[in-house]
Structure formats: C-alpha cells, structure tokens
Amino acid sequence: MVCHTNLFMANNEVPMDHDDIERLRAEIGEIRRAIRKNDPLLRKIASIRLFAVAAIPLGLALVAFFLALHASASALGAAGIVPEAWRVPLIVFLTLFMVLGGVFKIVLIRKEAGAVSKGAGFGDIVKAAYAGSLLHLNLPAILVFAAVAAFALREGRPWLILPASAIFLGLISNSFGILVARREYFAIGWYCVVTGIAALFAVETAPFFWVATLYGLSFIVFGVAGLVASPPGKTGTSGRSSGNGSADQ
C-alpha cells in the first residue's frame, strides 16, 4: 500500500524546488507586510468616533425630511410622486446632504490617514478596504446591484433600486466590518440587508417612507452602535480606541 501511494504521489505531484520555495516565501512576506501596513490604518479610520456622532443627526434629518415628504405625497393620493412644492427642497436637501457629507468624510479620512501613515490619503483607504482579496466579495455585490438596477429600470419599476442599494450597502458594510472588526459596521450591514429584503415587497407602495426607514434609520443604527462600541472614556477625540469596540473580542 505504501509503495502504491508513493508511486501515485510521484506521478501526480511536482516537487517544489528551492526557487519555488523562495518565491512562495517572498509572496507570503509581501502579504504579511500589506496586512501590517493596512490593518492599523483601516482600524484607525474605522474607529473615528466623530463618524458615529455625526451619523445620528444626519439620520434624524433624513427621517424627518422623508417622513414629511411621505405624509405630503400620501395626502395628495400619490405616495410615489414628489409633490410640486417639494421638488426644489428635495433637490437642495439631497445636494447639501451628499456634498457636505462627502466633503466632511473625505477631509476627516485624509487627516486621520496622514496621521497614521505619511502620505496616505482617501484613495489608499478605499484601495485597502475594497480592493485586493476583498474584491472577490465586493465586485460580485456590485455586479448584482447593477443587474437589479438595470432590471428595475427596464421593467418600469425604478423604486426597486432603493432596497437593492440598501442590500448592497449592507453587504459592503459587513465586508468592511470583517476587515476592521468593528461592531457598528456589522450593525448597519445587517440592518440594511434585513430591511432591504423587507422593502423589496413594499417599497413601491410608500417609497419615501422606505427612504426614511432604510437610510435614515440606518445612520442612526450605525451612530448608536458606534458610540456604544467606542465609549468617550475609551477613545480620544479622533477615535483612538483601546480595542473594546472590536467585534472579535
């Protein structure tokens, strides 16, 4: 039996020579260096307490605005149509929300990334968080979302994009949560996935209500979970954590 086994292995396996072993050792070393480089940087950014603090008022603003819009549209008997009087306020609100929120996030990330690694910026964080091996998880999520969005538009049911985007955000958040081991990213991730699935069956009857539910409340969930994971006494002003907020403890 031993002879047969050795013969089988000899016929089907190519032994590694010294160069192969050295090449493999070098590749493993590069992976380890990348992990050591990106891990403190990503964990630093993910644990910024100001993100959680800002998320709660932003979520409350979204909930208040879109619930008021839902009430106004429902009173006119057109739950899925923006009333004339709300069109300009809606554009202004969304523009300010996205521009100010985006600028705030980019500036804060660049500042904190530069403090951890000289020369690091927003692009480095995006690359470290969503490229590399995680691309095999994130790219399928992007493709699925794009396919669902295209299907919804082709079928004349654009509101289905709303729950699809929430599910997509949930998957990406969970992916990032695995990388940085922070509970708040799992909290918003699971919230978006569960409510997004529920909204698939009801979003077209009350789309503005579901905007408040999917996105407004998700900000609040993230904010509360982040504050619980990073108590004031355990973090600095820029989010330096002692590790109590890690999901792997």
C-alpha atoms as a PDB file:
ATOM      1  CA  MET A   1       0.000   0.000   0.000  1.00  0.00           C
ATOM      2  CA  VAL A   2       2.837   2.380   0.871  1.00  0.00           C
ATOM      3  CA  CYS A   3       4.597   1.654  -2.398  1.00  0.00           C
ATOM      4  CA  HIS A   4       1.417   2.268  -4.397  1.00  0.00           C
ATOM      5  CA  THR A   5       0.769   5.513  -2.530  1.00  0.00           C
ATOM      6  CA  ASN A   6       4.268   6.808  -3.119  1.00  0.00           C
ATOM      7  CA  LEU A   7       4.026   5.872  -6.792  1.00  0.00           C
ATOM      8  CA  PHE A   8       0.687   7.716  -7.096  1.00  0.00           C
ATOM      9  CA  MET A   9       2.107  10.850  -5.474  1.00  0.00           C
ATOM     10  CA  ALA A  10       5.206  10.699  -7.610  1.00  0.00           C
ATOM     11  CA  ASN A  11       3.150  10.536 -10.783  1.00  0.00           C
ATOM     12  CA  ASN A  12       0.760  13.370  -9.835  1.00  0.00           C
ATOM     13  CA  GLU A  13       2.749  15.877  -7.809  1.00  0.00           C
ATOM     14  CA  VAL A  14       5.565  18.112  -8.979  1.00  0.00           C
ATOM     15  CA  PRO A  15       8.039  18.687  -6.139  1.00  0.00           C
ATOM     16  CA  MET A  16       8.887  22.296  -5.301  1.00  0.00           C
ATOM     17  CA  ASP A  17      12.488  23.257  -5.919  1.00  0.00           C
ATOM     18  CA  HIS A  18      14.485  25.821  -3.963  1.00  0.00           C
ATOM     19  CA  ASP A  19      13.420  28.707  -6.246  1.00  0.00           C
ATOM     20  CA  ASP A  20       9.718  27.842  -5.841  1.00  0.00           C
ATOM     21  CA  ILE A  21      10.040  27.785  -2.071  1.00  0.00           C
ATOM     22  CA  GLU A  22      11.853  31.121  -2.018  1.00  0.00           C
ATOM     23  CA  ARG A  23       9.252  32.656  -4.339  1.00  0.00           C
ATOM     24  CA  LEU A  24       6.429  31.419  -2.113  1.00  0.00           C
ATOM     25  CA  ARG A  25       8.218  32.738   0.963  1.00  0.00           C
ATOM     26  CA  ALA A  26       8.594  36.144  -0.689  1.00  0.00           C
ATOM     27  CA  GLU A  27       4.898  36.256  -1.632  1.00  0.00           C
ATOM     28  CA  ILE A  28       3.855  35.370   1.921  1.00  0.00           C
ATOM     29  CA  GLY A  29       6.152  38.097   3.210  1.00  0.00           C
ATOM     30  CA  GLU A  30       4.527  40.654   0.903  1.00  0.00           C
ATOM     31  CA  ILE A  31       1.073  39.647   2.126  1.00  0.00           C
ATOM     32  CA  ARG A  32       2.153  39.969   5.749  1.00  0.00           C
ATOM     33  CA  ARG A  33       3.682  43.390   5.127  1.00  0.00           C
ATOM     34  CA  ALA A  34       0.491  44.557   3.392  1.00  0.00           C
ATOM     35  CA  ILE A  35      -1.626  43.358   6.318  1.00  0.00           C
ATOM     36  CA  ARG A  36       0.632  45.069   8.852  1.00  0.00           C
ATOM     37  CA  LYS A  37       0.544  48.268   6.804  1.00  0.00           C
ATOM     38  CA  ASN A  38      -3.201  48.402   6.171  1.00  0.00           C
ATOM     39  CA  ASP A  39      -4.560  46.982   9.427  1.00  0.00           C
ATOM     40  CA  PRO A  40      -3.676  49.897  11.751  1.00  0.00           C
ATOM     41  CA  LEU A  41      -4.620  52.407   9.069  1.00  0.00           C
ATOM     42  CA  LEU A  42      -8.057  50.906   8.430  1.00  0.00           C
ATOM     43  CA  ARG A  43      -8.761  50.300  12.107  1.00  0.00           C
ATOM     44  CA  LYS A  44      -7.801  53.898  12.875  1.00  0.00           C
ATOM     45  CA  ILE A  45     -10.216  55.235  10.253  1.00  0.00           C
ATOM     46  CA  ALA A  46     -12.990  52.802  11.187  1.00  0.00           C
ATOM     47  CA  SER A  47     -12.813  53.771  14.861  1.00  0.00           C
ATOM     48  CA  ILE A  48     -13.148  57.536  14.352  1.00  0.00           C
ATOM     49  CA  ARG A  49     -15.774  58.424  16.947  1.00  0.00           C
ATOM     50  CA  LEU A  50     -16.863  61.532  15.062  1.00  0.00           C
ATOM     51  CA  PHE A  51     -18.397  59.326  12.353  1.00  0.00           C
ATOM     52  CA  ALA A  52     -20.806  57.844  14.895  1.00  0.00           C
ATOM     53  CA  VAL A  53     -21.511  61.239  16.461  1.00  0.00           C
ATOM     54  CA  ALA A  54     -22.331  62.817  13.081  1.00  0.00           C
ATOM     55  CA  ALA A  55     -24.377  59.841  11.852  1.00  0.00           C
ATOM     56  CA  ILE A  56     -27.171  60.323  14.397  1.00  0.00           C
ATOM     57  CA  PRO A  57     -28.203  63.920  13.486  1.00  0.00           C
ATOM     58  CA  LEU A  58     -27.785  63.105   9.792  1.00  0.00           C
ATOM     59  CA  GLY A  59     -30.067  60.100  10.209  1.00  0.00           C
ATOM     60  CA  LEU A  60     -32.624  62.143  12.125  1.00  0.00           C
ATOM     61  CA  ALA A  61     -32.588  64.767   9.354  1.00  0.00           C
ATOM     62  CA  LEU A  62     -33.221  62.090   6.723  1.00  0.00           C
ATOM     63  CA  VAL A  63     -36.032  60.521   8.743  1.00  0.00           C
ATOM     64  CA  ALA A  64     -37.739  63.868   9.416  1.00  0.00           C
ATOM     65  CA  PHE A  65     -37.496  65.098   5.827  1.00  0.00           C
ATOM     66  CA  PHE A  66     -38.673  61.947   4.102  1.00  0.00           C
ATOM     67  CA  LEU A  67     -41.451  61.186   6.580  1.00  0.00           C
ATOM     68  CA  ALA A  68     -42.765  64.715   5.982  1.00  0.00           C
ATOM     69  CA  LEU A  69     -42.489  64.135   2.227  1.00  0.00           C
ATOM     70  CA  HIS A  70     -44.280  60.805   2.601  1.00  0.00           C
ATOM     71  CA  ALA A  71     -47.109  62.441   4.545  1.00  0.00           C
ATOM     72  CA  SER A  72     -47.468  65.213   1.946  1.00  0.00           C
ATOM     73  CA  ALA A  73     -47.447  62.819  -1.011  1.00  0.00           C
ATOM     74  CA  SER A  74     -49.896  60.438   0.689  1.00  0.00           C
ATOM     75  CA  ALA A  75     -52.282  63.312   1.420  1.00  0.00           C
ATOM     76  CA  LEU A  76     -52.375  64.031  -2.317  1.00  0.00           C
ATOM     77  CA  GLY A  77     -53.042  60.375  -3.092  1.00  0.00           C
ATOM     78  CA  ALA A  78     -49.713  59.864  -4.900  1.00  0.00           C
ATOM     79  CA  ALA A  79     -47.325  58.151  -2.494  1.00  0.00           C
ATOM     80  CA  GLY A  80     -44.624  57.623  -5.102  1.00  0.00           C
ATOM     81  CA  ILE A  81     -44.688  61.058  -6.744  1.00  0.00           C
ATOM     82  CA  VAL A  82     -42.854  64.104  -5.411  1.00  0.00           C
ATOM     83  CA  PRO A  83     -45.374  66.969  -4.974  1.00  0.00           C
ATOM     84  CA  GLU A  84     -44.594  70.127  -6.927  1.00  0.00           C
ATOM     85  CA  ALA A  85     -43.927  72.149  -3.783  1.00  0.00           C
ATOM     86  CA  TRP A  86     -41.355  69.584  -2.609  1.00  0.00           C
ATOM     87  CA  ARG A  87     -39.250  69.265  -5.760  1.00  0.00           C
ATOM     88  CA  VAL A  88     -36.846  72.156  -5.147  1.00  0.00           C
ATOM     89  CA  PRO A  89     -36.499  71.467  -1.405  1.00  0.00           C
ATOM     90  CA  LEU A  90     -35.794  67.799  -2.214  1.00  0.00           C
ATOM     91  CA  ILE A  91     -33.035  68.687  -4.691  1.00  0.00           C
ATOM     92  CA  VAL A  92     -31.485  71.210  -2.283  1.00  0.00           C
ATOM     93  CA  PHE A  93     -31.676  68.800   0.664  1.00  0.00           C
ATOM     94  CA  LEU A  94     -30.110  65.876  -1.189  1.00  0.00           C
ATOM     95  CA  THR A  95     -27.410  68.067  -2.742  1.00  0.00           C
ATOM     96  CA  LEU A  96     -26.394  69.543   0.600  1.00  0.00           C
ATOM     97  CA  PHE A  97     -26.572  66.150   2.280  1.00  0.00           C
ATOM     98  CA  MET A  98     -24.327  64.431  -0.261  1.00  0.00           C
ATOM     99  CA  VAL A  99     -21.874  67.280  -0.879  1.00  0.00           C
ATOM    100  CA  LEU A 100     -21.372  68.332   2.731  1.00  0.00           C
ATOM    101  CA  GLY A 101     -21.373  64.753   3.980  1.00  0.00           C
ATOM    102  CA  GLY A 102     -18.936  63.658   1.293  1.00  0.00           C
ATOM    103  CA  VAL A 103     -16.543  66.549   1.868  1.00  0.00           C
ATOM    104  CA  PHE A 104     -16.670  66.016   5.643  1.00  0.00           C
ATOM    105  CA  LYS A 105     -15.876  62.326   5.261  1.00  0.00           C
ATOM    106  CA  ILE A 106     -13.047  62.778   2.766  1.00  0.00           C
ATOM    107  CA  VAL A 107     -11.362  65.576   4.729  1.00  0.00           C
ATOM    108  CA  LEU A 108     -11.576  63.660   8.006  1.00  0.00           C
ATOM    109  CA  ILE A 109     -10.289  60.424   6.466  1.00  0.00           C
ATOM    110  CA  ARG A 110      -7.372  62.192   4.769  1.00  0.00           C
ATOM    111  CA  LYS A 111      -6.427  63.898   8.015  1.00  0.00           C
ATOM    112  CA  GLU A 112      -6.531  60.717  10.101  1.00  0.00           C
ATOM    113  CA  ALA A 113      -4.846  58.572   7.426  1.00  0.00           C
ATOM    114  CA  GLY A 114      -1.974  61.036   7.166  1.00  0.00           C
ATOM    115  CA  ALA A 115      -1.510  60.888  10.925  1.00  0.00           C
ATOM    116  CA  VAL A 116      -1.086  57.093  10.816  1.00  0.00           C
ATOM    117  CA  SER A 117       0.893  56.679   7.599  1.00  0.00           C
ATOM    118  CA  LYS A 118       2.787  59.524   5.977  1.00  0.00           C
ATOM    119  CA  GLY A 119       1.454  60.252   2.505  1.00  0.00           C
ATOM    120  CA  ALA A 120      -1.647  58.084   2.942  1.00  0.00           C
ATOM    121  CA  GLY A 121      -4.930  59.537   1.740  1.00  0.00           C
ATOM    122  CA  PHE A 122      -8.542  58.770   0.883  1.00  0.00           C
ATOM    123  CA  GLY A 123      -7.583  56.658  -2.140  1.00  0.00           C
ATOM    124  CA  ASP A 124      -5.337  54.448  -0.036  1.00  0.00           C
ATOM    125  CA  ILE A 125      -8.198  53.738   2.353  1.00  0.00           C
ATOM    126  CA  VAL A 126     -10.570  52.813  -0.480  1.00  0.00           C
ATOM    127  CA  LYS A 127      -7.941  50.555  -2.057  1.00  0.00           C
ATOM    128  CA  ALA A 128      -7.105  48.840   1.223  1.00  0.00           C
ATOM    129  CA  ALA A 129     -10.752  48.362   2.191  1.00  0.00           C
ATOM    130  CA  TYR A 130     -12.315  47.231  -1.064  1.00  0.00           C
ATOM    131  CA  ALA A 131      -9.551  46.011  -3.395  1.00  0.00           C
ATOM    132  CA  GLY A 132      -7.215  43.041  -3.104  1.00  0.00           C
ATOM    133  CA  SER A 133      -8.749  39.777  -1.941  1.00  0.00           C
ATOM    134  CA  LEU A 134     -11.944  41.526  -0.792  1.00  0.00           C
ATOM    135  CA  LEU A 135     -12.596  42.450  -4.410  1.00  0.00           C
ATOM    136  CA  HIS A 136     -13.822  38.865  -4.874  1.00  0.00           C
ATOM    137  CA  LEU A 137     -16.589  39.671  -2.372  1.00  0.00           C
ATOM    138  CA  ASN A 138     -17.270  43.307  -3.265  1.00  0.00           C
ATOM    139  CA  LEU A 139     -17.227  43.013  -7.055  1.00  0.00           C
ATOM    140  CA  PRO A 140     -19.990  40.358  -7.196  1.00  0.00           C
ATOM    141  CA  ALA A 141     -22.095  42.582  -4.927  1.00  0.00           C
ATOM    142  CA  ILE A 142     -21.554  45.492  -7.329  1.00  0.00           C
ATOM    143  CA  LEU A 143     -22.477  43.355 -10.336  1.00  0.00           C
ATOM    144  CA  VAL A 144     -25.631  42.028  -8.654  1.00  0.00           C
ATOM    145  CA  PHE A 145     -26.716  45.546  -7.712  1.00  0.00           C
ATOM    146  CA  ALA A 146     -26.068  46.811 -11.260  1.00  0.00           C
ATOM    147  CA  ALA A 147     -28.069  43.921 -12.721  1.00  0.00           C
ATOM    148  CA  VAL A 148     -31.016  44.502 -10.364  1.00  0.00           C
ATOM    149  CA  ALA A 149     -30.961  48.241 -11.089  1.00  0.00           C
ATOM    150  CA  ALA A 150     -30.948  47.595 -14.854  1.00  0.00           C
ATOM    151  CA  PHE A 151     -33.822  45.120 -14.491  1.00  0.00           C
ATOM    152  CA  ALA A 152     -35.858  47.550 -12.379  1.00  0.00           C
ATOM    153  CA  LEU A 153     -35.428  50.337 -14.940  1.00  0.00           C
ATOM    154  CA  ARG A 154     -36.275  48.048 -17.855  1.00  0.00           C
ATOM    155  CA  GLU A 155     -39.443  46.871 -16.143  1.00  0.00           C
ATOM    156  CA  GLY A 156     -40.507  50.430 -15.276  1.00  0.00           C
ATOM    157  CA  ARG A 157     -40.137  49.822 -11.520  1.00  0.00           C
ATOM    158  CA  PRO A 158     -37.307  52.195 -10.525  1.00  0.00           C
ATOM    159  CA  TRP A 159     -38.208  52.190  -6.820  1.00  0.00           C
ATOM    160  CA  LEU A 160     -36.852  48.635  -6.576  1.00  0.00           C
ATOM    161  CA  ILE A 161     -33.395  50.198  -6.865  1.00  0.00           C
ATOM    162  CA  LEU A 162     -33.875  51.617  -3.364  1.00  0.00           C
ATOM    163  CA  PRO A 163     -33.978  48.283  -1.458  1.00  0.00           C
ATOM    164  CA  ALA A 164     -31.368  46.843  -3.820  1.00  0.00           C
ATOM    165  CA  SER A 165     -28.989  49.665  -2.933  1.00  0.00           C
ATOM    166  CA  ALA A 166     -29.665  49.113   0.774  1.00  0.00           C
ATOM    167  CA  ILE A 167     -28.844  45.400   0.480  1.00  0.00           C
ATOM    168  CA  PHE A 168     -25.708  46.285  -1.462  1.00  0.00           C
ATOM    169  CA  LEU A 169     -24.675  48.769   1.237  1.00  0.00           C
ATOM    170  CA  GLY A 170     -25.298  46.084   3.861  1.00  0.00           C
ATOM    171  CA  LEU A 171     -23.051  43.566   2.110  1.00  0.00           C
ATOM    172  CA  ILE A 172     -20.267  46.120   1.678  1.00  0.00           C
ATOM    173  CA  SER A 173     -20.580  47.211   5.315  1.00  0.00           C
ATOM    174  CA  ASN A 174     -20.313  43.633   6.539  1.00  0.00           C
ATOM    175  CA  SER A 175     -17.294  43.131   4.311  1.00  0.00           C
ATOM    176  CA  PHE A 176     -15.616  46.179   5.825  1.00  0.00           C
ATOM    177  CA  GLY A 177     -16.675  45.063   9.288  1.00  0.00           C
ATOM    178  CA  ILE A 178     -14.834  41.769   8.804  1.00  0.00           C
ATOM    179  CA  LEU A 179     -11.734  43.706   7.815  1.00  0.00           C
ATOM    180  CA  VAL A 180     -11.693  46.111  10.765  1.00  0.00           C
ATOM    181  CA  ALA A 181     -13.597  44.028  13.373  1.00  0.00           C
ATOM    182  CA  ARG A 182     -15.933  46.859  14.407  1.00  0.00           C
ATOM    183  CA  ARG A 183     -19.464  46.102  15.619  1.00  0.00           C
ATOM    184  CA  GLU A 184     -21.078  49.244  14.170  1.00  0.00           C
ATOM    185  CA  TYR A 185     -20.347  48.108  10.589  1.00  0.00           C
ATOM    186  CA  PHE A 186     -21.990  44.758  11.252  1.00  0.00           C
ATOM    187  CA  ALA A 187     -24.933  46.596  12.843  1.00  0.00           C
ATOM    188  CA  ILE A 188     -25.600  48.809   9.829  1.00  0.00           C
ATOM    189  CA  GLY A 189     -24.777  45.935   7.476  1.00  0.00           C
ATOM    190  CA  TRP A 190     -27.356  43.534   8.906  1.00  0.00           C
ATOM    191  CA  TYR A 191     -29.896  46.326   9.343  1.00  0.00           C
ATOM    192  CA  CYS A 192     -29.640  47.279   5.658  1.00  0.00           C
ATOM    193  CA  VAL A 193     -29.801  43.671   4.459  1.00  0.00           C
ATOM    194  CA  VAL A 194     -32.863  42.766   6.556  1.00  0.00           C
ATOM    195  CA  THR A 195     -34.825  45.961   5.924  1.00  0.00           C
ATOM    196  CA  GLY A 196     -33.785  45.957   2.268  1.00  0.00           C
ATOM    197  CA  ILE A 197     -35.257  42.478   1.780  1.00  0.00           C
ATOM    198  CA  ALA A 198     -38.464  43.584   3.516  1.00  0.00           C
ATOM    199  CA  ALA A 199     -38.651  46.727   1.367  1.00  0.00           C
ATOM    200  CA  LEU A 200     -38.496  44.688  -1.846  1.00  0.00           C
ATOM    201  CA  PHE A 201     -42.117  43.671  -1.199  1.00  0.00           C
ATOM    202  CA  ALA A 202     -43.464  47.079  -0.150  1.00  0.00           C
ATOM    203  CA  VAL A 203     -41.264  49.921  -1.380  1.00  0.00           C
ATOM    204  CA  GLU A 204     -43.488  50.811  -4.338  1.00  0.00           C
ATOM    205  CA  THR A 205     -46.480  51.498  -2.083  1.00  0.00           C
ATOM    206  CA  ALA A 206     -44.639  54.047   0.096  1.00  0.00           C
ATOM    207  CA  PRO A 207     -41.175  54.823  -1.318  1.00  0.00           C
ATOM    208  CA  PHE A 208     -40.478  57.956   0.740  1.00  0.00           C
ATOM    209  CA  PHE A 209     -41.345  56.120   3.946  1.00  0.00           C
ATOM    210  CA  TRP A 210     -38.838  53.450   2.970  1.00  0.00           C
ATOM    211  CA  VAL A 211     -36.128  56.031   2.254  1.00  0.00           C
ATOM    212  CA  ALA A 212     -36.531  57.174   5.859  1.00  0.00           C
ATOM    213  CA  THR A 213     -36.544  53.580   7.098  1.00  0.00           C
ATOM    214  CA  LEU A 214     -33.701  52.214   5.012  1.00  0.00           C
ATOM    215  CA  TYR A 215     -31.296  55.124   5.077  1.00  0.00           C
ATOM    216  CA  GLY A 216     -32.359  57.491   7.844  1.00  0.00           C
ATOM    217  CA  LEU A 217     -32.642  54.764  10.470  1.00  0.00           C
ATOM    218  CA  SER A 218     -29.507  53.012   9.202  1.00  0.00           C
ATOM    219  CA  PHE A 219     -27.475  56.134  10.003  1.00  0.00           C
ATOM    220  CA  ILE A 220     -28.959  56.150  13.495  1.00  0.00           C
ATOM    221  CA  VAL A 221     -28.240  52.429  13.975  1.00  0.00           C
ATOM    222  CA  PHE A 222     -24.631  52.995  12.916  1.00  0.00           C
ATOM    223  CA  GLY A 223     -24.269  56.014  15.186  1.00  0.00           C
ATOM    224  CA  VAL A 224     -25.690  54.330  18.274  1.00  0.00           C
ATOM    225  CA  ALA A 225     -23.682  51.141  17.698  1.00  0.00           C
ATOM    226  CA  GLY A 226     -20.532  53.188  17.153  1.00  0.00           C
ATOM    227  CA  LEU A 227     -20.991  55.185  20.354  1.00  0.00           C
ATOM    228  CA  VAL A 228     -21.630  52.000  22.331  1.00  0.00           C
ATOM    229  CA  ALA A 229     -18.547  50.360  20.805  1.00  0.00           C
ATOM    230  CA  SER A 230     -16.360  53.415  21.497  1.00  0.00           C
ATOM    231  CA  PRO A 231     -17.286  54.988  24.866  1.00  0.00           C
ATOM    232  CA  PRO A 232     -15.850  58.501  25.467  1.00  0.00           C
ATOM    233  CA  GLY A 233     -13.528  57.244  28.183  1.00  0.00           C
ATOM    234  CA  LYS A 234     -12.035  54.610  25.882  1.00  0.00           C
ATOM    235  CA  THR A 235     -11.365  56.756  22.809  1.00  0.00           C
ATOM    236  CA  GLY A 236      -9.721  60.045  22.009  1.00  0.00           C
ATOM    237  CA  THR A 237     -11.187  62.949  20.084  1.00  0.00           C
ATOM    238  CA  SER A 238     -10.088  61.431  16.804  1.00  0.00           C
ATOM    239  CA  GLY A 239     -11.324  57.949  17.600  1.00  0.00           C
ATOM    240  CA  ARG A 240      -8.299  56.234  19.128  1.00  0.00           C
ATOM    241  CA  SER A 241      -9.733  53.067  20.559  1.00  0.00           C
ATOM    242  CA  SER A 242      -8.348  50.709  23.132  1.00  0.00           C
ATOM    243  CA  GLY A 243      -9.980  47.848  21.269  1.00  0.00           C
ATOM    244  CA  ASN A 244     -13.154  47.466  23.332  1.00  0.00           C
ATOM    245  CA  GLY A 245     -15.231  48.083  20.247  1.00  0.00           C
ATOM    246  CA  SER A 246     -13.764  45.218  18.307  1.00  0.00           C
ATOM    247  CA  ALA A 247     -16.151  42.562  17.150  1.00  0.00           C
ATOM    248  CA  ASP A 248     -13.634  39.812  17.643  1.00  0.00           C
ATOM    249  CA  GLN A 249     -13.394  40.098  21.405  1.00  0.00           C
END
